[in-house]
Protein backbone atom coordinates (compact mmCIF):
# COMPACT_ATOMS: atom_id res chain seq x y z
CA MET A 1 98.46 53.58 197.74
CA LYS A 2 101.70 52.76 195.96
CA HIS A 3 101.93 52.84 192.17
CA ILE A 4 104.76 50.34 191.76
CA VAL A 5 104.80 47.90 188.86
CA LYS A 6 105.20 44.39 190.27
CA SER A 7 106.02 42.44 187.09
CA LYS A 8 109.36 40.69 187.00
CA PHE A 9 112.18 41.67 184.68
CA ASN A 10 114.12 38.95 182.89
CA SER A 11 117.91 38.98 182.47
CA LYS A 12 117.70 40.88 179.16
CA SER A 13 115.48 43.63 180.56
CA LYS A 14 117.72 43.91 183.65
CA SER A 15 120.77 44.26 181.41
CA LEU A 16 119.01 46.99 179.43
CA ILE A 17 118.20 48.84 182.66
CA LEU A 18 121.80 48.50 183.89
CA GLY A 19 123.12 49.84 180.57
CA LEU A 20 120.74 52.78 180.80
CA LEU A 21 121.79 53.47 184.40
CA ILE A 22 125.53 53.23 183.75
CA GLY A 23 125.11 55.58 180.79
CA ASP A 24 122.85 58.60 181.06
CA GLY A 25 120.22 57.20 183.41
CA THR A 26 119.50 58.08 187.00
CA ILE A 27 117.28 56.68 189.73
CA CYS A 28 115.32 59.20 191.81
CA LYS A 29 113.22 58.73 194.92
CA ASN A 30 109.61 59.88 194.90
CA LYS A 31 106.67 59.38 197.26
CA TYR A 32 105.90 56.00 195.65
CA GLY A 33 109.42 54.56 195.78
CA CYS A 34 112.12 54.92 193.15
CA GLN A 35 111.77 55.84 189.51
CA MET A 36 114.34 55.82 186.73
CA LYS A 37 114.90 58.65 184.26
CA VAL A 38 116.82 58.47 181.00
CA HIS A 39 117.98 61.87 179.75
CA GLN A 40 119.70 62.67 176.46
CA GLY A 41 120.93 66.10 175.50
CA ARG A 42 122.33 67.83 172.44
CA GLY A 43 119.55 66.99 170.01
CA MET A 44 119.66 63.22 170.59
CA LYS A 45 115.89 62.66 170.38
CA GLU A 46 116.23 59.88 167.76
CA TYR A 47 118.56 58.00 170.09
CA THR A 48 116.05 58.44 172.94
CA GLU A 49 113.34 57.06 170.62
CA TRP A 50 115.54 54.02 169.89
CA LYS A 51 116.02 53.44 173.62
CA VAL A 52 112.24 53.57 174.09
CA LYS A 53 111.86 50.93 171.35
CA MET A 54 114.31 48.72 173.24
CA MET A 55 112.32 49.27 176.45
CA ASP A 56 109.15 48.24 174.63
CA LYS A 57 110.87 45.17 173.20
CA TYR A 58 112.05 44.00 176.64
CA GLY A 59 108.93 44.90 178.63
CA VAL A 60 110.25 47.93 180.50
CA LYS A 61 107.30 50.26 181.17
CA HIS A 62 107.85 53.97 180.56
CA GLY A 63 106.12 57.28 179.98
CA ASP A 64 106.22 59.51 176.92
CA ILE A 65 109.36 61.17 175.59
CA ASN A 66 109.55 64.77 176.76
CA THR A 67 111.52 67.50 175.01
CA ILE A 68 112.84 70.61 176.72
CA TYR A 69 115.12 73.43 175.64
CA CYS A 70 117.73 74.56 178.10
CA SER A 71 121.05 76.36 178.20
CA THR A 72 124.15 75.46 180.16
CA ASN A 73 127.49 77.08 180.80
CA PHE A 74 128.82 74.87 177.95
CA THR A 75 126.42 76.42 175.39
CA ASN A 76 127.15 80.08 176.25
CA GLY A 77 123.47 80.76 176.87
CA GLU A 78 122.28 79.13 173.64
CA LYS A 79 119.26 76.90 174.24
CA ARG A 80 119.67 73.31 173.09
CA GLU A 81 117.14 70.52 172.76
CA SER A 82 117.16 67.82 175.41
CA SER A 83 114.98 64.68 175.59
CA TYR A 84 114.07 62.53 178.55
CA VAL A 85 111.73 59.72 179.49
CA TRP A 86 110.63 58.48 182.91
CA LEU A 87 110.40 54.73 183.47
CA LYS A 88 107.41 53.57 185.50
CA ASN A 89 108.04 52.93 189.21
CA HIS A 90 109.27 49.41 189.89
CA ILE A 91 110.55 47.67 193.01
CA PHE A 92 113.69 46.69 191.04
CA TYR A 93 114.70 50.39 190.91
CA ASP A 94 114.44 50.62 194.71
CA VAL A 95 116.80 47.68 195.07
CA LEU A 96 119.15 48.89 192.34
CA ARG A 97 119.37 52.37 193.87
CA ARG A 98 120.35 50.92 197.26
CA ILE A 99 123.07 48.81 195.59
CA VAL A 100 124.53 51.36 193.16
CA TYR A 101 124.33 54.79 194.81
CA THR A 102 126.97 55.62 197.41
CA GLU A 103 128.27 58.81 198.98
CA TYR A 104 130.63 59.03 195.97
CA GLY A 105 127.91 58.70 193.33
CA LYS A 106 127.06 55.65 191.24
CA VAL A 107 129.37 52.68 191.88
CA PHE A 108 129.02 49.43 189.91
CA SER A 109 130.42 46.19 191.24
CA ARG A 110 132.03 43.54 189.05
CA LYS A 111 129.01 41.33 189.79
CA LEU A 112 126.63 43.91 188.28
CA LEU A 113 128.90 44.59 185.29
CA ASN A 114 129.01 40.84 184.57
CA ARG A 115 125.22 40.93 184.10
CA LEU A 116 125.48 43.25 181.10
CA THR A 117 124.60 41.75 177.72
CA SER A 118 125.86 43.15 174.43
CA LEU A 119 122.83 45.51 174.37
CA GLY A 120 123.61 46.88 177.83
CA LEU A 121 127.27 47.35 176.89
CA ALA A 122 126.30 49.07 173.64
CA ILE A 123 124.03 51.54 175.46
CA TRP A 124 126.74 52.28 178.02
CA TYR A 125 129.25 52.89 175.22
CA MET A 126 126.87 55.03 173.13
CA ASP A 127 125.93 57.13 176.15
CA ASP A 128 129.33 57.69 177.73
CA GLY A 129 131.93 55.36 176.29
CA SER A 130 133.90 55.19 179.52
CA LEU A 131 133.82 55.23 183.29
CA ASN A 132 134.83 58.39 185.12
CA PHE A 133 136.97 57.76 188.12
CA LYS A 134 137.07 60.55 190.67
CA LYS A 135 139.69 60.67 193.35
CA HIS A 136 138.09 61.17 196.76
CA THR A 137 139.86 61.82 199.99
CA LEU A 138 138.35 61.06 203.36
CA ASN A 139 138.92 63.31 206.31
CA ASP A 140 139.34 61.48 209.58
CA GLY A 141 138.25 64.62 211.40
């Protein structure tokens, strides 16, 4: 039995989801389909709480905010707070994952970027502020 939410997103909720995905969001596969996760590090729990308020406002179903403490090579072993929230499974995430994820990572077309509202753009900017372009070379074998 699948646990996928079947309600439809409107253009504002889709823009919110795109902004979250372009920024610090990711879409993962699980046994029920695809699920989106929004993860904020470096003590940004208040910002995660604001994102959750925006999800509530635009009808995007989600779980509770989780807080973990982890260290990375950037923190020299010091544990830092990190917050994340899982969005409830939705068929839209399955479709979005097929469109956005490539062998090179997340790739956003002009058509998808044109769907961003000011809220989606603001989230993208507050999360990352830019796109990272990586140079890839293909081996013809």
